[in-house]
Amino acid sequence: MALNIDVSWLLDVQKPGDIEDVSVADYSALVAAVARHKTPTPRPTTADPDPA
């Protein structure tokens, strides 16, 4: 099962946990989280590990 996230979903998930009104002014962390989920993770069986 593939889980795809986007910025609007992250903002929706954040809403129920709000104790006080917190507005997001910088979306860069949310965009980074979305990009991280879209990046394929290297697997040792498909690529040789980097010796560094």
PDB file of N, CA and C in Angstrom:
ATOM      1  N   MET A   1       0.841  -1.179   0.000  1.00  0.00           N
ATOM      2  CA  MET A   1       0.000   0.000   0.000  1.00  0.00           C
ATOM      3  C   MET A   1       0.887   1.244   0.000  1.00  0.00           C
ATOM      4  N   ALA A   2       0.625   2.136  -0.915  1.00  0.00           N
ATOM      5  CA  ALA A   2       1.391   3.376  -1.003  1.00  0.00           C
ATOM      6  C   ALA A   2       0.640   4.492  -0.285  1.00  0.00           C
ATOM      7  N   LEU A   3       1.352   5.217   0.548  1.00  0.00           N
ATOM      8  CA  LEU A   3       0.772   6.348   1.252  1.00  0.00           C
ATOM      9  C   LEU A   3       1.307   7.613   0.606  1.00  0.00           C
ATOM     10  N   ASN A   4       0.418   8.397   0.036  1.00  0.00           N
ATOM     11  CA  ASN A   4       0.807   9.663  -0.573  1.00  0.00           C
ATOM     12  C   ASN A   4       0.255  10.796   0.276  1.00  0.00           C
ATOM     13  N   ILE A   5       1.132  11.707   0.636  1.00  0.00           N
ATOM     14  CA  ILE A   5       0.707  12.841   1.457  1.00  0.00           C
ATOM     15  C   ILE A   5       0.888  14.121   0.661  1.00  0.00           C
ATOM     16  N   ASP A   6       0.150  15.150   1.044  1.00  0.00           N
ATOM     17  CA  ASP A   6       0.341  16.473   0.470  1.00  0.00           C
ATOM     18  C   ASP A   6       0.169  17.501   1.595  1.00  0.00           C
ATOM     19  N   VAL A   7       0.466  18.741   1.271  1.00  0.00           N
ATOM     20  CA  VAL A   7       0.457  19.798   2.286  1.00  0.00           C
ATOM     21  C   VAL A   7      -0.934  19.948   2.898  1.00  0.00           C
ATOM     22  N   SER A   8      -1.991  19.879   2.080  1.00  0.00           N
ATOM     23  CA  SER A   8      -3.345  20.047   2.622  1.00  0.00           C
ATOM     24  C   SER A   8      -3.689  18.929   3.602  1.00  0.00           C
ATOM     25  N   TRP A   9      -3.245  17.697   3.322  1.00  0.00           N
ATOM     26  CA  TRP A   9      -3.494  16.591   4.241  1.00  0.00           C
ATOM     27  C   TRP A   9      -2.762  16.822   5.561  1.00  0.00           C
ATOM     28  N   LEU A  10      -1.515  17.291   5.498  1.00  0.00           N
ATOM     29  CA  LEU A  10      -0.759  17.569   6.720  1.00  0.00           C
ATOM     30  C   LEU A  10      -1.440  18.638   7.560  1.00  0.00           C
ATOM     31  N   LEU A  11      -1.990  19.658   6.912  1.00  0.00           N
ATOM     32  CA  LEU A  11      -2.699  20.705   7.649  1.00  0.00           C
ATOM     33  C   LEU A  11      -3.983  20.160   8.268  1.00  0.00           C
ATOM     34  N   ASP A  12      -4.677  19.259   7.572  1.00  0.00           N
ATOM     35  CA  ASP A  12      -5.889  18.643   8.122  1.00  0.00           C
ATOM     36  C   ASP A  12      -5.562  17.772   9.327  1.00  0.00           C
ATOM     37  N   VAL A  13      -4.448  17.052   9.279  1.00  0.00           N
ATOM     38  CA  VAL A  13      -4.053  16.191  10.393  1.00  0.00           C
ATOM     39  C   VAL A  13      -3.700  17.031  11.615  1.00  0.00           C
ATOM     40  N   GLN A  14      -3.173  18.202  11.394  1.00  0.00           N
ATOM     41  CA  GLN A  14      -2.746  19.071  12.481  1.00  0.00           C
ATOM     42  C   GLN A  14      -3.942  19.672  13.219  1.00  0.00           C
ATOM     43  N   LYS A  15      -5.070  19.864  12.555  1.00  0.00           N
ATOM     44  CA  LYS A  15      -6.214  20.565  13.152  1.00  0.00           C
ATOM     45  C   LYS A  15      -6.734  19.941  14.443  1.00  0.00           C
ATOM     46  N   PRO A  16      -6.998  18.623  14.509  1.00  0.00           N
ATOM     47  CA  PRO A  16      -7.560  18.081  15.755  1.00  0.00           C
ATOM     48  C   PRO A  16      -6.657  18.254  16.974  1.00  0.00           C
ATOM     49  N   GLY A  17      -5.370  18.386  16.782  1.00  0.00           N
ATOM     50  CA  GLY A  17      -4.451  18.515  17.900  1.00  0.00           C
ATOM     51  C   GLY A  17      -4.262  19.936  18.386  1.00  0.00           C
ATOM     52  N   ASP A  18      -4.896  20.888  17.726  1.00  0.00           N
ATOM     53  CA  ASP A  18      -4.721  22.294  18.107  1.00  0.00           C
ATOM     54  C   ASP A  18      -5.324  22.584  19.473  1.00  0.00           C
ATOM     55  N   ILE A  19      -4.499  23.120  20.350  1.00  0.00           N
ATOM     56  CA  ILE A  19      -5.008  23.588  21.640  1.00  0.00           C
ATOM     57  C   ILE A  19      -5.355  25.066  21.509  1.00  0.00           C
ATOM     58  N   GLU A  20      -4.561  25.761  20.772  1.00  0.00           N
ATOM     59  CA  GLU A  20      -4.823  27.170  20.504  1.00  0.00           C
ATOM     60  C   GLU A  20      -4.657  27.388  19.008  1.00  0.00           C
ATOM     61  N   ASP A  21      -5.100  28.500  18.520  1.00  0.00           N
ATOM     62  CA  ASP A  21      -5.042  28.782  17.090  1.00  0.00           C
ATOM     63  C   ASP A  21      -3.598  29.022  16.666  1.00  0.00           C
ATOM     64  N   VAL A  22      -3.049  28.089  15.915  1.00  0.00           N
ATOM     65  CA  VAL A  22      -1.684  28.200  15.423  1.00  0.00           C
ATOM     66  C   VAL A  22      -1.751  28.262  13.907  1.00  0.00           C
ATOM     67  N   SER A  23      -1.373  29.376  13.346  1.00  0.00           N
ATOM     68  CA  SER A  23      -1.376  29.485  11.890  1.00  0.00           C
ATOM     69  C   SER A  23       0.029  29.202  11.375  1.00  0.00           C
ATOM     70  N   VAL A  24       0.104  28.540  10.238  1.00  0.00           N
ATOM     71  CA  VAL A  24       1.386  28.186   9.643  1.00  0.00           C
ATOM     72  C   VAL A  24       1.802  29.298   8.699  1.00  0.00           C
ATOM     73  N   ALA A  25       2.971  29.866   8.952  1.00  0.00           N
ATOM     74  CA  ALA A  25       3.470  30.943   8.097  1.00  0.00           C
ATOM     75  C   ALA A  25       4.562  30.444   7.152  1.00  0.00           C
ATOM     76  N   ASP A  26       5.215  29.349   7.514  1.00  0.00           N
ATOM     77  CA  ASP A  26       6.303  28.811   6.710  1.00  0.00           C
ATOM     78  C   ASP A  26       5.983  27.359   6.366  1.00  0.00           C
ATOM     79  N   TYR A  27       5.691  27.118   5.101  1.00  0.00           N
ATOM     80  CA  TYR A  27       5.295  25.793   4.645  1.00  0.00           C
ATOM     81  C   TYR A  27       6.483  24.937   4.198  1.00  0.00           C
ATOM     82  N   SER A  28       7.703  25.417   4.355  1.00  0.00           N
ATOM     83  CA  SER A  28       8.858  24.683   3.838  1.00  0.00           C
ATOM     84  C   SER A  28       9.036  23.316   4.504  1.00  0.00           C
ATOM     85  N   ALA A  29       8.756  23.201   5.794  1.00  0.00           N
ATOM     86  CA  ALA A  29       8.878  21.905   6.468  1.00  0.00           C
ATOM     87  C   ALA A  29       7.817  20.929   5.957  1.00  0.00           C
ATOM     88  N   LEU A  30       6.626  21.429   5.681  1.00  0.00           N
ATOM     89  CA  LEU A  30       5.566  20.577   5.146  1.00  0.00           C
ATOM     90  C   LEU A  30       5.905  20.119   3.729  1.00  0.00           C
ATOM     91  N   VAL A  31       6.434  21.019   2.923  1.00  0.00           N
ATOM     92  CA  VAL A  31       6.839  20.666   1.553  1.00  0.00           C
ATOM     93  C   VAL A  31       7.970  19.646   1.597  1.00  0.00           C
ATOM     94  N   ALA A  32       8.896  19.794   2.539  1.00  0.00           N
ATOM     95  CA  ALA A  32       9.991  18.835   2.679  1.00  0.00           C
ATOM     96  C   ALA A  32       9.463  17.459   3.082  1.00  0.00           C
ATOM     97  N   ALA A  33       8.463  17.424   3.948  1.00  0.00           N
ATOM     98  CA  ALA A  33       7.882  16.142   4.352  1.00  0.00           C
ATOM     99  C   ALA A  33       7.215  15.451   3.171  1.00  0.00           C
ATOM    100  N   VAL A  34       6.528  16.217   2.339  1.00  0.00           N
ATOM    101  CA  VAL A  34       5.889  15.653   1.138  1.00  0.00           C
ATOM    102  C   VAL A  34       6.959  15.114   0.189  1.00  0.00           C
ATOM    103  N   ALA A  35       8.025  15.884  -0.027  1.00  0.00           N
ATOM    104  CA  ALA A  35       9.092  15.453  -0.933  1.00  0.00           C
ATOM    105  C   ALA A  35       9.790  14.205  -0.406  1.00  0.00           C
ATOM    106  N   ARG A  36       9.935  14.116   0.909  1.00  0.00           N
ATOM    107  CA  ARG A  36      10.600  12.945   1.492  1.00  0.00           C
ATOM    108  C   ARG A  36       9.797  11.666   1.235  1.00  0.00           C
ATOM    109  N   HIS A  37       8.483  11.774   1.280  1.00  0.00           N
ATOM    110  CA  HIS A  37       7.643  10.612   1.017  1.00  0.00           C
ATOM    111  C   HIS A  37       7.652  10.214  -0.453  1.00  0.00           C
ATOM    112  N   LYS A  38       7.951  11.157  -1.342  1.00  0.00           N
ATOM    113  CA  LYS A  38       7.976  10.853  -2.775  1.00  0.00           C
ATOM    114  C   LYS A  38       9.316  10.292  -3.231  1.00  0.00           C
ATOM    115  N   THR A  39      10.355  10.434  -2.417  1.00  0.00           N
ATOM    116  CA  THR A  39      11.691   9.978  -2.779  1.00  0.00           C
ATOM    117  C   THR A  39      11.824   8.486  -2.495  1.00  0.00           C
ATOM    118  N   PRO A  40      12.225   7.706  -3.506  1.00  0.00           N
ATOM    119  CA  PRO A  40      12.386   6.276  -3.256  1.00  0.00           C
ATOM    120  C   PRO A  40      13.583   6.006  -2.338  1.00  0.00           C
ATOM    121  N   THR A  41      13.393   5.113  -1.396  1.00  0.00           N
ATOM    122  CA  THR A  41      14.445   4.760  -0.462  1.00  0.00           C
ATOM    123  C   THR A  41      15.320   3.674  -1.084  1.00  0.00           C
ATOM    124  N   PRO A  42      16.639   3.877  -1.128  1.00  0.00           N
ATOM    125  CA  PRO A  42      17.511   2.842  -1.682  1.00  0.00           C
ATOM    126  C   PRO A  42      17.449   1.568  -0.837  1.00  0.00           C
ATOM    127  N   ARG A  43      17.394   0.449  -1.489  1.00  0.00           N
ATOM    128  CA  ARG A  43      17.364  -0.845  -0.803  1.00  0.00           C
ATOM    129  C   ARG A  43      18.671  -1.575  -1.094  1.00  0.00           C
ATOM    130  N   PRO A  44      19.261  -2.247  -0.102  1.00  0.00           N
ATOM    131  CA  PRO A  44      20.515  -2.966  -0.328  1.00  0.00           C
ATOM    132  C   PRO A  44      20.398  -4.036  -1.417  1.00  0.00           C
ATOM    133  N   THR A  45      19.217  -4.556  -1.636  1.00  0.00           N
ATOM    134  CA  THR A  45      19.056  -5.594  -2.650  1.00  0.00           C
ATOM    135  C   THR A  45      19.030  -5.028  -4.061  1.00  0.00           C
ATOM    136  N   THR A  46      18.739  -3.726  -4.201  1.00  0.00           N
ATOM    137  CA  THR A  46      18.673  -3.135  -5.545  1.00  0.00           C
ATOM    138  C   THR A  46      19.897  -2.299  -5.880  1.00  0.00           C
ATOM    139  N   ALA A  47      20.670  -1.895  -4.888  1.00  0.00           N
ATOM    140  CA  ALA A  47      21.861  -1.079  -5.136  1.00  0.00           C
ATOM    141  C   ALA A  47      22.930  -1.422  -4.102  1.00  0.00           C
ATOM    142  N   ASP A  48      24.185  -1.295  -4.509  1.00  0.00           N
ATOM    143  CA  ASP A  48      25.274  -1.532  -3.580  1.00  0.00           C
ATOM    144  C   ASP A  48      25.338  -0.400  -2.567  1.00  0.00           C
ATOM    145  N   PRO A  49      25.565  -0.705  -1.301  1.00  0.00           N
ATOM    146  CA  PRO A  49      25.672   0.346  -0.289  1.00  0.00           C
ATOM    147  C   PRO A  49      26.865   1.253  -0.573  1.00  0.00           C
ATOM    148  N   ASP A  50      26.716   2.499  -0.224  1.00  0.00           N
ATOM    149  CA  ASP A  50      27.793   3.466  -0.390  1.00  0.00           C
ATOM    150  C   ASP A  50      28.837   3.233   0.707  1.00  0.00           C
ATOM    151  N   PRO A  51      30.117   3.017   0.347  1.00  0.00           N
ATOM    152  CA  PRO A  51      31.115   2.745   1.379  1.00  0.00           C
ATOM    153  C   PRO A  51      31.363   3.923   2.309  1.00  0.00           C
ATOM    154  N   ALA A  52      31.001   5.125   1.884  1.00  0.00           N
ATOM    155  CA  ALA A  52      31.212   6.289   2.750  1.00  0.00           C
ATOM    156  C   ALA A  52      30.257   6.236   3.889  1.00  0.00           C
TER     157      ALA A  52
END
